[in-house]
Amino acid sequence: MTAPTLRLARLHLSSRRAATATGVIAACAAVLWLALHRPWNTYGAVQLPLLCETACAVVIAAATASPFGEPERATGRWLPYLRLGTTLALTVASVGVLVAAGTGGTLAGGPLAVVRNVAGLVGLGLLGATLLGGALAWIGPTTYMVVAVYAVYTQWHGPALSSPWLWPARPPHDAGAAICAGLVLVTGLVAITVRGARDPVGE
């Protein structure tokens, strides 16, 4: 990469507060690691990763917000690629640190569940950022988490909710759940790459 390209990437990451987002993601992983080394019942152990996965998704979605608004859209052809690259990098980092946090503990669903859940939740966050703006992007993942927690609850107390669209309540090897989460992620990535986070009123 040329020096101007690297400088552009650095400025984009700075404008999206990528360093802060990375720090929060690392903190979520630390919380998960500490929690997994505490005694929990089975139901609680299943919920813990979902809470941390949701927090990471919210952070990633919030990092899509631009402080410059509409004028940024005229800055050049690299902007969509920078949006995509930043989002993918933060998503991969989230999956990596959460899986690492589960090492040595009992991570419900294992790495496959983490990949699937983070992917789907990030997709919901990106769609929220596109429609509502980065400041309100937390609504999608958080609302879905509440529904997913209830779906997990029904696995023990019935009647069980088994839709593949409620992927956190499905087994980690469930193909339908993985496809649904993947579709949400791809849709969110396309939306945020092409459109970006919704600009504040007046921008």
N, C-alpha and C. Protein backbone atom coordinates (compact mmCIF):
# COMPACT_ATOMS: atom_id res chain seq x y z
N MET A 1 0.84 -1.20 0.00
CA MET A 1 0.00 0.00 0.00
C MET A 1 0.87 1.25 0.00
N THR A 2 0.44 2.28 -0.73
CA THR A 2 1.18 3.53 -0.79
C THR A 2 0.96 4.34 0.47
N ALA A 3 1.85 5.31 0.67
CA ALA A 3 1.75 6.15 1.86
C ALA A 3 0.42 6.91 1.94
N PRO A 4 -0.07 7.51 0.83
CA PRO A 4 -1.37 8.19 0.92
C PRO A 4 -2.52 7.25 1.28
N THR A 5 -2.45 6.01 0.76
CA THR A 5 -3.51 5.04 1.07
C THR A 5 -3.48 4.66 2.55
N LEU A 6 -2.28 4.45 3.06
CA LEU A 6 -2.14 4.12 4.48
C LEU A 6 -2.61 5.27 5.36
N ARG A 7 -2.29 6.50 4.94
CA ARG A 7 -2.72 7.66 5.71
C ARG A 7 -4.24 7.78 5.69
N LEU A 8 -4.84 7.52 4.53
CA LEU A 8 -6.29 7.58 4.43
C LEU A 8 -6.94 6.54 5.34
N ALA A 9 -6.37 5.32 5.34
CA ALA A 9 -6.91 4.26 6.20
C ALA A 9 -6.78 4.64 7.67
N ARG A 10 -5.63 5.22 8.03
CA ARG A 10 -5.41 5.62 9.43
C ARG A 10 -6.40 6.70 9.85
N LEU A 11 -6.62 7.68 8.97
CA LEU A 11 -7.57 8.75 9.29
C LEU A 11 -9.00 8.21 9.40
N HIS A 12 -9.34 7.25 8.54
CA HIS A 12 -10.68 6.67 8.61
C HIS A 12 -10.87 5.92 9.93
N LEU A 13 -9.87 5.12 10.31
CA LEU A 13 -9.95 4.38 11.57
C LEU A 13 -10.06 5.33 12.75
N SER A 14 -9.32 6.43 12.68
CA SER A 14 -9.38 7.42 13.76
C SER A 14 -10.76 8.06 13.84
N SER A 15 -11.35 8.39 12.68
CA SER A 15 -12.66 9.03 12.67
C SER A 15 -13.75 8.11 13.19
N ARG A 16 -13.54 6.79 13.04
CA ARG A 16 -14.52 5.82 13.53
C ARG A 16 -14.21 5.35 14.95
N ARG A 17 -13.22 5.95 15.58
CA ARG A 17 -12.83 5.59 16.95
C ARG A 17 -12.57 4.08 17.06
N ALA A 18 -11.84 3.57 16.07
CA ALA A 18 -11.58 2.14 16.02
C ALA A 18 -10.75 1.67 17.21
N ALA A 19 -9.83 2.50 17.68
CA ALA A 19 -9.01 2.12 18.83
C ALA A 19 -9.87 1.95 20.07
N THR A 20 -10.80 2.88 20.27
CA THR A 20 -11.71 2.78 21.41
C THR A 20 -12.59 1.55 21.30
N ALA A 21 -13.10 1.31 20.08
CA ALA A 21 -13.93 0.13 19.85
C ALA A 21 -13.16 -1.15 20.15
N THR A 22 -11.91 -1.19 19.72
CA THR A 22 -11.08 -2.37 19.98
C THR A 22 -10.87 -2.57 21.47
N GLY A 23 -10.67 -1.48 22.19
CA GLY A 23 -10.49 -1.58 23.63
C GLY A 23 -11.73 -2.10 24.33
N VAL A 24 -12.90 -1.63 23.91
CA VAL A 24 -14.15 -2.10 24.51
C VAL A 24 -14.37 -3.57 24.20
N ILE A 25 -14.07 -3.98 22.97
CA ILE A 25 -14.20 -5.39 22.58
C ILE A 25 -13.29 -6.26 23.44
N ALA A 26 -12.06 -5.79 23.66
CA ALA A 26 -11.13 -6.53 24.52
C ALA A 26 -11.67 -6.62 25.95
N ALA A 27 -12.30 -5.54 26.42
CA ALA A 27 -12.88 -5.55 27.76
C ALA A 27 -14.02 -6.56 27.85
N CYS A 28 -14.83 -6.66 26.79
CA CYS A 28 -15.91 -7.65 26.76
C CYS A 28 -15.35 -9.06 26.87
N ALA A 29 -14.25 -9.30 26.16
CA ALA A 29 -13.62 -10.62 26.21
C ALA A 29 -13.07 -10.91 27.61
N ALA A 30 -12.53 -9.88 28.24
CA ALA A 30 -12.01 -10.06 29.61
C ALA A 30 -13.13 -10.39 30.58
N VAL A 31 -14.25 -9.70 30.42
CA VAL A 31 -15.42 -9.98 31.28
C VAL A 31 -15.90 -11.41 31.06
N LEU A 32 -15.95 -11.84 29.79
CA LEU A 32 -16.38 -13.20 29.50
C LEU A 32 -15.41 -14.21 30.11
N TRP A 33 -14.12 -13.96 30.00
CA TRP A 33 -13.13 -14.89 30.55
C TRP A 33 -13.31 -15.01 32.07
N LEU A 34 -13.47 -13.87 32.73
CA LEU A 34 -13.66 -13.90 34.18
C LEU A 34 -14.96 -14.63 34.55
N ALA A 35 -16.01 -14.36 33.78
CA ALA A 35 -17.31 -14.97 34.09
C ALA A 35 -17.28 -16.48 33.90
N LEU A 36 -16.58 -16.93 32.86
CA LEU A 36 -16.54 -18.36 32.58
C LEU A 36 -15.75 -19.15 33.62
N HIS A 37 -14.97 -18.43 34.41
CA HIS A 37 -14.22 -19.10 35.47
C HIS A 37 -14.91 -18.97 36.82
N ARG A 38 -16.18 -18.61 36.77
CA ARG A 38 -17.02 -18.61 37.96
C ARG A 38 -18.03 -19.73 37.84
N PRO A 39 -18.57 -20.22 38.95
CA PRO A 39 -19.58 -21.29 38.87
C PRO A 39 -20.92 -20.74 38.40
N TRP A 40 -21.49 -21.36 37.35
CA TRP A 40 -22.80 -20.98 36.83
C TRP A 40 -23.60 -22.24 36.55
N ASN A 41 -24.92 -22.08 36.60
CA ASN A 41 -25.74 -23.20 36.15
C ASN A 41 -25.75 -23.21 34.61
N THR A 42 -26.30 -24.26 34.02
CA THR A 42 -26.24 -24.41 32.57
C THR A 42 -26.93 -23.26 31.86
N TYR A 43 -28.08 -22.84 32.35
CA TYR A 43 -28.82 -21.76 31.72
C TYR A 43 -28.02 -20.46 31.73
N GLY A 44 -27.43 -20.14 32.87
CA GLY A 44 -26.63 -18.93 32.96
C GLY A 44 -25.40 -18.98 32.08
N ALA A 45 -24.78 -20.15 31.98
CA ALA A 45 -23.58 -20.30 31.16
C ALA A 45 -23.88 -20.09 29.68
N VAL A 46 -25.09 -20.41 29.25
CA VAL A 46 -25.48 -20.21 27.86
C VAL A 46 -25.73 -18.72 27.58
N GLN A 47 -26.26 -18.01 28.57
CA GLN A 47 -26.57 -16.59 28.38
C GLN A 47 -25.33 -15.70 28.38
N LEU A 48 -24.33 -16.07 29.17
CA LEU A 48 -23.16 -15.20 29.33
C LEU A 48 -22.49 -14.83 28.00
N PRO A 49 -22.16 -15.81 27.15
CA PRO A 49 -21.53 -15.44 25.87
C PRO A 49 -22.43 -14.54 25.03
N LEU A 50 -23.74 -14.79 25.05
CA LEU A 50 -24.66 -13.99 24.25
C LEU A 50 -24.62 -12.52 24.67
N LEU A 51 -24.52 -12.26 25.95
CA LEU A 51 -24.45 -10.88 26.43
C LEU A 51 -23.19 -10.18 25.92
N CYS A 52 -22.07 -10.88 25.98
CA CYS A 52 -20.80 -10.30 25.52
C CYS A 52 -20.79 -10.16 24.00
N GLU A 53 -21.36 -11.11 23.30
CA GLU A 53 -21.45 -11.03 21.84
C GLU A 53 -22.29 -9.84 21.41
N THR A 54 -23.37 -9.59 22.14
CA THR A 54 -24.22 -8.44 21.84
C THR A 54 -23.49 -7.14 22.09
N ALA A 55 -22.75 -7.08 23.17
CA ALA A 55 -21.99 -5.86 23.48
C ALA A 55 -20.98 -5.56 22.38
N CYS A 56 -20.30 -6.58 21.89
CA CYS A 56 -19.34 -6.39 20.80
C CYS A 56 -20.05 -5.90 19.54
N ALA A 57 -21.20 -6.48 19.23
CA ALA A 57 -21.95 -6.07 18.04
C ALA A 57 -22.38 -4.61 18.14
N VAL A 58 -22.81 -4.19 19.31
CA VAL A 58 -23.22 -2.79 19.52
C VAL A 58 -22.04 -1.86 19.29
N VAL A 59 -20.88 -2.23 19.80
CA VAL A 59 -19.68 -1.40 19.63
C VAL A 59 -19.31 -1.29 18.15
N ILE A 60 -19.35 -2.40 17.44
CA ILE A 60 -19.01 -2.39 16.02
C ILE A 60 -19.98 -1.53 15.23
N ALA A 61 -21.26 -1.64 15.53
CA ALA A 61 -22.26 -0.83 14.83
C ALA A 61 -22.07 0.65 15.13
N ALA A 62 -21.77 0.98 16.37
CA ALA A 62 -21.56 2.38 16.74
C ALA A 62 -20.34 2.97 16.04
N ALA A 63 -19.35 2.12 15.77
CA ALA A 63 -18.12 2.59 15.13
C ALA A 63 -18.31 2.91 13.65
N THR A 64 -19.49 2.64 13.10
CA THR A 64 -19.74 2.98 11.70
C THR A 64 -20.15 4.44 11.53
N ALA A 65 -20.49 5.11 12.62
CA ALA A 65 -20.96 6.49 12.54
C ALA A 65 -19.84 7.42 12.09
N SER A 66 -20.18 8.33 11.21
CA SER A 66 -19.20 9.32 10.73
C SER A 66 -19.39 10.64 11.46
N PRO A 67 -18.31 11.26 11.93
CA PRO A 67 -18.45 12.57 12.57
C PRO A 67 -18.57 13.71 11.55
N PHE A 68 -18.44 13.39 10.27
CA PHE A 68 -18.42 14.43 9.24
C PHE A 68 -19.73 14.54 8.46
N GLY A 69 -20.58 13.50 8.57
CA GLY A 69 -21.86 13.57 7.89
C GLY A 69 -21.76 13.51 6.38
N GLU A 70 -22.65 14.18 5.72
CA GLU A 70 -22.77 14.13 4.27
C GLU A 70 -21.50 14.56 3.51
N PRO A 71 -20.75 15.59 3.97
CA PRO A 71 -19.56 15.98 3.21
C PRO A 71 -18.57 14.85 2.99
N GLU A 72 -18.54 13.88 3.90
CA GLU A 72 -17.58 12.78 3.75
C GLU A 72 -17.86 11.97 2.49
N ARG A 73 -19.10 11.94 2.05
CA ARG A 73 -19.46 11.12 0.91
C ARG A 73 -18.82 11.60 -0.39
N ALA A 74 -18.32 12.82 -0.38
CA ALA A 74 -17.70 13.37 -1.58
C ALA A 74 -16.17 13.29 -1.53
N THR A 75 -15.64 12.55 -0.55
CA THR A 75 -14.19 12.54 -0.36
C THR A 75 -13.44 11.59 -1.27
N GLY A 76 -14.12 10.69 -1.94
CA GLY A 76 -13.41 9.81 -2.84
C GLY A 76 -14.01 8.42 -2.91
N ARG A 77 -13.44 7.63 -3.82
CA ARG A 77 -14.00 6.32 -4.12
C ARG A 77 -13.63 5.25 -3.10
N TRP A 78 -12.70 5.57 -2.18
CA TRP A 78 -12.24 4.55 -1.24
C TRP A 78 -13.15 4.39 -0.04
N LEU A 79 -14.06 5.31 0.17
CA LEU A 79 -14.87 5.29 1.38
C LEU A 79 -15.64 3.98 1.59
N PRO A 80 -16.34 3.44 0.58
CA PRO A 80 -17.04 2.16 0.80
C PRO A 80 -16.10 1.03 1.21
N TYR A 81 -14.89 1.00 0.62
CA TYR A 81 -13.93 -0.05 0.97
C TYR A 81 -13.43 0.13 2.40
N LEU A 82 -13.25 1.37 2.80
CA LEU A 82 -12.81 1.63 4.17
C LEU A 82 -13.88 1.23 5.18
N ARG A 83 -15.13 1.52 4.85
CA ARG A 83 -16.23 1.10 5.73
C ARG A 83 -16.23 -0.42 5.89
N LEU A 84 -16.17 -1.11 4.75
CA LEU A 84 -16.20 -2.57 4.77
C LEU A 84 -15.02 -3.14 5.52
N GLY A 85 -13.83 -2.63 5.22
CA GLY A 85 -12.63 -3.15 5.87
C GLY A 85 -12.63 -2.95 7.37
N THR A 86 -13.04 -1.77 7.81
CA THR A 86 -13.09 -1.48 9.25
C THR A 86 -14.08 -2.39 9.96
N THR A 87 -15.26 -2.53 9.36
CA THR A 87 -16.29 -3.37 9.98
C THR A 87 -15.86 -4.82 10.05
N LEU A 88 -15.30 -5.34 8.97
CA LEU A 88 -14.85 -6.73 8.95
C LEU A 88 -13.72 -6.94 9.96
N ALA A 89 -12.79 -6.00 10.04
CA ALA A 89 -11.67 -6.14 10.96
C ALA A 89 -12.16 -6.20 12.40
N LEU A 90 -13.09 -5.32 12.77
CA LEU A 90 -13.62 -5.32 14.13
C LEU A 90 -14.43 -6.59 14.41
N THR A 91 -15.15 -7.07 13.40
CA THR A 91 -15.94 -8.30 13.58
C THR A 91 -15.03 -9.50 13.80
N VAL A 92 -14.00 -9.62 12.97
CA VAL A 92 -13.05 -10.73 13.12
C VAL A 92 -12.34 -10.64 14.48
N ALA A 93 -11.98 -9.42 14.87
CA ALA A 93 -11.32 -9.24 16.17
C ALA A 93 -12.25 -9.68 17.31
N SER A 94 -13.52 -9.34 17.20
CA SER A 94 -14.48 -9.74 18.24
C SER A 94 -14.58 -11.25 18.35
N VAL A 95 -14.71 -11.91 17.22
CA VAL A 95 -14.80 -13.37 17.23
C VAL A 95 -13.52 -13.96 17.83
N GLY A 96 -12.39 -13.44 17.41
CA GLY A 96 -11.11 -13.98 17.89
C GLY A 96 -10.94 -13.87 19.39
N VAL A 97 -11.21 -12.68 19.94
CA VAL A 97 -10.97 -12.49 21.37
C VAL A 97 -12.02 -13.22 22.22
N LEU A 98 -13.26 -13.32 21.72
CA LEU A 98 -14.28 -14.04 22.48
C LEU A 98 -13.99 -15.54 22.49
N VAL A 99 -13.55 -16.07 21.37
CA VAL A 99 -13.17 -17.48 21.33
C VAL A 99 -11.97 -17.72 22.24
N ALA A 100 -10.99 -16.81 22.19
CA ALA A 100 -9.83 -16.94 23.06
C ALA A 100 -10.22 -16.86 24.53
N ALA A 101 -11.21 -16.01 24.84
CA ALA A 101 -11.67 -15.88 26.23
C ALA A 101 -12.29 -17.17 26.73
N GLY A 102 -12.84 -17.97 25.80
CA GLY A 102 -13.44 -19.23 26.20
C GLY A 102 -12.46 -20.35 26.41
N THR A 103 -11.19 -20.11 26.06
CA THR A 103 -10.17 -21.13 26.24
C THR A 103 -9.96 -21.42 27.72
N GLY A 104 -10.04 -22.66 28.08
CA GLY A 104 -9.86 -23.05 29.47
C GLY A 104 -11.13 -22.98 30.29
N GLY A 105 -12.20 -22.47 29.69
CA GLY A 105 -13.48 -22.42 30.36
C GLY A 105 -14.51 -23.24 29.60
N THR A 106 -15.74 -23.19 30.03
CA THR A 106 -16.81 -23.91 29.35
C THR A 106 -17.62 -22.91 28.54
N LEU A 107 -17.21 -22.72 27.28
CA LEU A 107 -17.86 -21.77 26.40
C LEU A 107 -19.04 -22.46 25.73
N ALA A 108 -20.25 -22.04 26.09
CA ALA A 108 -21.46 -22.67 25.57
C ALA A 108 -21.50 -22.58 24.05
N GLY A 109 -21.66 -23.73 23.39
CA GLY A 109 -21.73 -23.76 21.94
C GLY A 109 -20.39 -23.79 21.26
N GLY A 110 -19.33 -23.44 21.97
CA GLY A 110 -18.00 -23.46 21.39
C GLY A 110 -17.78 -22.35 20.37
N PRO A 111 -16.65 -22.40 19.65
CA PRO A 111 -16.31 -21.36 18.67
C PRO A 111 -17.35 -21.17 17.57
N LEU A 112 -17.98 -22.26 17.11
CA LEU A 112 -18.96 -22.14 16.04
C LEU A 112 -20.13 -21.25 16.44
N ALA A 113 -20.60 -21.41 17.66
CA ALA A 113 -21.71 -20.58 18.15
C ALA A 113 -21.29 -19.12 18.25
N VAL A 114 -20.05 -18.87 18.66
CA VAL A 114 -19.56 -17.49 18.75
C VAL A 114 -19.54 -16.84 17.37
N VAL A 115 -18.99 -17.56 16.39
CA VAL A 115 -18.93 -17.02 15.03
C VAL A 115 -20.33 -16.70 14.51
N ARG A 116 -21.24 -17.65 14.67
CA ARG A 116 -22.62 -17.47 14.18
C ARG A 116 -23.33 -16.32 14.88
N ASN A 117 -23.25 -16.29 16.21
CA ASN A 117 -23.96 -15.27 16.97
C ASN A 117 -23.42 -13.87 16.72
N VAL A 118 -22.09 -13.74 16.72
CA VAL A 118 -21.50 -12.43 16.47
C VAL A 118 -21.85 -11.95 15.07
N ALA A 119 -21.78 -12.85 14.09
CA ALA A 119 -22.09 -12.48 12.71
C ALA A 119 -23.51 -11.93 12.60
N GLY A 120 -24.46 -12.66 13.12
CA GLY A 120 -25.85 -12.21 13.02
C GLY A 120 -26.11 -10.93 13.78
N LEU A 121 -25.57 -10.82 14.98
CA LEU A 121 -25.78 -9.62 15.79
C LEU A 121 -25.13 -8.39 15.17
N VAL A 122 -23.94 -8.58 14.61
CA VAL A 122 -23.28 -7.46 13.91
C VAL A 122 -24.12 -7.03 12.71
N GLY A 123 -24.66 -8.00 11.97
CA GLY A 123 -25.52 -7.67 10.85
C GLY A 123 -26.71 -6.83 11.27
N LEU A 124 -27.34 -7.19 12.38
CA LEU A 124 -28.46 -6.41 12.90
C LEU A 124 -28.01 -4.99 13.28
N GLY A 125 -26.85 -4.90 13.88
CA GLY A 125 -26.32 -3.59 14.25
C GLY A 125 -26.03 -2.72 13.04
N LEU A 126 -25.49 -3.32 11.99
CA LEU A 126 -25.18 -2.56 10.78
C LEU A 126 -26.46 -2.07 10.09
N LEU A 127 -27.47 -2.93 10.07
CA LEU A 127 -28.75 -2.51 9.50
C LEU A 127 -29.35 -1.36 10.32
N GLY A 128 -29.21 -1.46 11.65
CA GLY A 128 -29.68 -0.38 12.50
C GLY A 128 -28.93 0.91 12.26
N ALA A 129 -27.62 0.82 12.06
CA ALA A 129 -26.82 2.02 11.78
C ALA A 129 -27.23 2.66 10.47
N THR A 130 -27.53 1.83 9.48
CA THR A 130 -27.94 2.35 8.17
C THR A 130 -29.29 3.04 8.24
N LEU A 131 -30.20 2.46 9.02
CA LEU A 131 -31.56 3.00 9.09
C LEU A 131 -31.74 4.10 10.13
N LEU A 132 -31.04 3.97 11.27
CA LEU A 132 -31.28 4.86 12.39
C LEU A 132 -30.09 5.75 12.73
N GLY A 133 -28.91 5.37 12.26
CA GLY A 133 -27.70 6.08 12.62
C GLY A 133 -26.89 5.32 13.65
N GLY A 134 -25.60 5.60 13.71
CA GLY A 134 -24.72 4.89 14.62
C GLY A 134 -25.10 5.03 16.08
N ALA A 135 -25.63 6.19 16.45
CA ALA A 135 -25.99 6.42 17.86
C ALA A 135 -27.14 5.54 18.32
N LEU A 136 -27.98 5.10 17.39
CA LEU A 136 -29.13 4.27 17.75
C LEU A 136 -28.99 2.83 17.24
N ALA A 137 -27.82 2.49 16.74
CA ALA A 137 -27.62 1.16 16.18
C ALA A 137 -27.72 0.05 17.22
N TRP A 138 -27.61 0.42 18.50
CA TRP A 138 -27.69 -0.57 19.58
C TRP A 138 -29.08 -1.20 19.70
N ILE A 139 -30.09 -0.52 19.15
CA ILE A 139 -31.46 -0.98 19.34
C ILE A 139 -31.67 -2.37 18.75
N GLY A 140 -31.17 -2.60 17.54
CA GLY A 140 -31.38 -3.90 16.88
C GLY A 140 -30.77 -5.06 17.64
N PRO A 141 -29.44 -5.05 17.89
CA PRO A 141 -28.82 -6.16 18.61
C PRO A 141 -29.39 -6.35 20.03
N THR A 142 -29.67 -5.25 20.72
CA THR A 142 -30.15 -5.37 22.10
C THR A 142 -31.56 -5.96 22.14
N THR A 143 -32.42 -5.49 21.24
CA THR A 143 -33.77 -6.04 21.18
C THR A 143 -33.73 -7.52 20.82
N TYR A 144 -32.88 -7.85 19.85
CA TYR A 144 -32.77 -9.25 19.46
C TYR A 144 -32.24 -10.10 20.60
N MET A 145 -31.29 -9.55 21.38
CA MET A 145 -30.74 -10.30 22.51
C MET A 145 -31.83 -10.66 23.51
N VAL A 146 -32.73 -9.72 23.78
CA VAL A 146 -33.83 -9.99 24.72
C VAL A 146 -34.68 -11.15 24.21
N VAL A 147 -35.00 -11.11 22.91
CA VAL A 147 -35.80 -12.19 22.31
C VAL A 147 -35.03 -13.50 22.35
N ALA A 148 -33.73 -13.44 22.07
CA ALA A 148 -32.91 -14.64 22.05
C ALA A 148 -32.77 -15.25 23.44
N VAL A 149 -32.63 -14.40 24.45
CA VAL A 149 -32.56 -14.90 25.83
C VAL A 149 -33.84 -15.64 26.18
N TYR A 150 -34.96 -15.10 25.75
CA TYR A 150 -36.23 -15.79 26.01
C TYR A 150 -36.28 -17.12 25.25
N ALA A 151 -35.77 -17.12 24.01
CA ALA A 151 -35.75 -18.36 23.24
C ALA A 151 -34.89 -19.42 23.92
N VAL A 152 -33.76 -18.98 24.47
CA VAL A 152 -32.91 -19.90 25.22
C VAL A 152 -33.64 -20.42 26.45
N TYR A 153 -34.37 -19.53 27.11
CA TYR A 153 -35.14 -19.92 28.30
C TYR A 153 -36.15 -21.01 27.97
N THR A 154 -36.79 -20.89 26.82
CA THR A 154 -37.82 -21.88 26.46
C THR A 154 -37.24 -23.26 26.19
N GLN A 155 -35.94 -23.35 25.94
CA GLN A 155 -35.33 -24.66 25.73
C GLN A 155 -35.37 -25.50 27.01
N TRP A 156 -35.43 -24.82 28.16
CA TRP A 156 -35.49 -25.52 29.44
C TRP A 156 -36.91 -25.58 30.00
N HIS A 157 -37.71 -24.59 29.69
CA HIS A 157 -39.01 -24.48 30.35
C HIS A 157 -40.19 -24.63 29.39
N GLY A 158 -39.94 -24.71 28.07
CA GLY A 158 -40.98 -24.95 27.08
C GLY A 158 -42.09 -23.91 27.08
N PRO A 159 -42.91 -23.90 26.03
CA PRO A 159 -42.67 -24.64 24.79
C PRO A 159 -41.50 -24.03 24.02
N ALA A 160 -40.62 -24.86 23.52
CA ALA A 160 -39.37 -24.41 22.91
C ALA A 160 -39.62 -23.64 21.61
N LEU A 161 -38.92 -22.52 21.45
CA LEU A 161 -38.93 -21.78 20.20
C LEU A 161 -37.76 -22.29 19.36
N SER A 162 -38.05 -22.81 18.17
CA SER A 162 -37.00 -23.49 17.41
C SER A 162 -36.75 -22.89 16.03
N SER A 163 -37.20 -21.67 15.78
CA SER A 163 -36.97 -21.04 14.48
C SER A 163 -35.48 -20.82 14.25
N PRO A 164 -34.98 -21.08 13.03
CA PRO A 164 -33.56 -20.82 12.75
C PRO A 164 -33.22 -19.34 12.82
N TRP A 165 -34.24 -18.46 12.76
CA TRP A 165 -33.99 -17.03 12.90
C TRP A 165 -33.66 -16.67 14.34
N LEU A 166 -33.94 -17.57 15.27
CA LEU A 166 -33.51 -17.39 16.66
C LEU A 166 -32.25 -18.21 16.87
N TRP A 167 -31.21 -17.88 16.12
CA TRP A 167 -30.02 -18.73 16.06
C TRP A 167 -29.30 -18.95 17.38
N PRO A 168 -29.30 -18.01 18.36
CA PRO A 168 -28.60 -18.32 19.61
C PRO A 168 -29.19 -19.52 20.36
N ALA A 169 -30.46 -19.83 20.10
CA ALA A 169 -31.10 -20.95 20.79
C ALA A 169 -30.93 -22.26 20.05
N ARG A 170 -30.27 -22.23 18.90
CA ARG A 170 -30.07 -23.43 18.10
C ARG A 170 -28.71 -24.06 18.40
N PRO A 171 -28.54 -25.36 18.17
CA PRO A 171 -27.23 -26.00 18.37
C PRO A 171 -26.17 -25.38 17.46
N PRO A 172 -24.91 -25.43 17.85
CA PRO A 172 -23.86 -24.76 17.08
C PRO A 172 -23.69 -25.30 15.66
N HIS A 173 -24.06 -26.57 15.41
CA HIS A 173 -23.90 -27.15 14.08
C HIS A 173 -25.17 -27.03 13.23
N ASP A 174 -26.16 -26.27 13.70
CA ASP A 174 -27.41 -26.13 12.97
C ASP A 174 -27.18 -25.29 11.70
N ALA A 175 -27.34 -25.90 10.54
CA ALA A 175 -27.07 -25.22 9.27
C ALA A 175 -28.05 -24.09 9.01
N GLY A 176 -29.33 -24.32 9.31
CA GLY A 176 -30.33 -23.28 9.08
C GLY A 176 -30.06 -22.03 9.87
N ALA A 177 -29.69 -22.19 11.13
CA ALA A 177 -29.39 -21.03 11.98
C ALA A 177 -28.17 -20.29 11.45
N ALA A 178 -27.15 -21.02 11.01
CA ALA A 178 -25.94 -20.39 10.47
C ALA A 178 -26.26 -19.61 9.20
N ILE A 179 -27.12 -20.18 8.36
CA ILE A 179 -27.51 -19.49 7.12
C ILE A 179 -28.25 -18.20 7.43
N CYS A 180 -29.18 -18.25 8.37
CA CYS A 180 -29.94 -17.06 8.74
C CYS A 180 -29.02 -15.96 9.28
N ALA A 181 -28.13 -16.33 10.18
CA ALA A 181 -27.19 -15.34 10.73
C ALA A 181 -26.29 -14.78 9.63
N GLY A 182 -25.84 -15.66 8.74
CA GLY A 182 -24.99 -15.22 7.64
C GLY A 182 -25.70 -14.26 6.70
N LEU A 183 -26.97 -14.54 6.42
CA LEU A 183 -27.74 -13.65 5.55
C LEU A 183 -27.89 -12.27 6.16
N VAL A 184 -28.13 -12.23 7.47
CA VAL A 184 -28.26 -10.94 8.15
C VAL A 184 -26.95 -10.17 8.09
N LEU A 185 -25.83 -10.87 8.31
CA LEU A 185 -24.52 -10.22 8.25
C LEU A 185 -24.24 -9.67 6.85
N VAL A 186 -24.46 -10.48 5.83
CA VAL A 186 -24.18 -10.04 4.46
C VAL A 186 -25.04 -8.83 4.10
N THR A 187 -26.31 -8.88 4.47
CA THR A 187 -27.20 -7.76 4.20
C THR A 187 -26.72 -6.50 4.90
N GLY A 188 -26.31 -6.64 6.16
CA GLY A 188 -25.80 -5.49 6.90
C GLY A 188 -24.52 -4.94 6.31
N LEU A 189 -23.62 -5.83 5.88
CA LEU A 189 -22.36 -5.39 5.28
C LEU A 189 -22.59 -4.65 3.97
N VAL A 190 -23.49 -5.17 3.16
CA VAL A 190 -23.80 -4.49 1.90
C VAL A 190 -24.38 -3.11 2.17
N ALA A 191 -25.30 -3.03 3.13
CA ALA A 191 -25.95 -1.75 3.44
C ALA A 191 -24.95 -0.73 3.96
N ILE A 192 -24.08 -1.14 4.89
CA ILE A 192 -23.15 -0.18 5.48
C ILE A 192 -22.05 0.19 4.49
N THR A 193 -21.69 -0.74 3.61
CA THR A 193 -20.65 -0.44 2.60
C THR A 193 -21.16 0.55 1.57
N VAL A 194 -22.35 0.33 1.08
CA VAL A 194 -22.91 1.16 0.02
C VAL A 194 -23.44 2.49 0.57
N ARG A 195 -24.15 2.43 1.67
CA ARG A 195 -24.84 3.62 2.18
C ARG A 195 -24.12 4.28 3.34
N GLY A 196 -23.51 3.48 4.21
CA GLY A 196 -22.92 4.03 5.42
C GLY A 196 -23.97 4.27 6.48
N ALA A 197 -23.53 4.65 7.66
CA ALA A 197 -24.47 4.94 8.73
C ALA A 197 -25.29 6.17 8.37
N ARG A 198 -26.53 6.18 8.79
CA ARG A 198 -27.41 7.30 8.49
C ARG A 198 -26.88 8.57 9.14
N ASP A 199 -26.80 9.63 8.35
CA ASP A 199 -26.26 10.89 8.85
C ASP A 199 -27.25 11.57 9.79
N PRO A 200 -26.74 12.27 10.79
CA PRO A 200 -27.65 13.02 11.70
C PRO A 200 -28.47 14.04 10.93
N VAL A 201 -29.64 14.37 11.48
CA VAL A 201 -30.50 15.38 10.87
C VAL A 201 -29.73 16.69 10.75
N GLY A 202 -29.78 17.30 9.58
CA GLY A 202 -29.12 18.57 9.36
C GLY A 202 -27.74 18.45 8.76
N GLU A 203 -27.21 17.19 8.69
CA GLU A 203 -25.89 17.01 8.09
C GLU A 203 -26.00 17.05 6.57
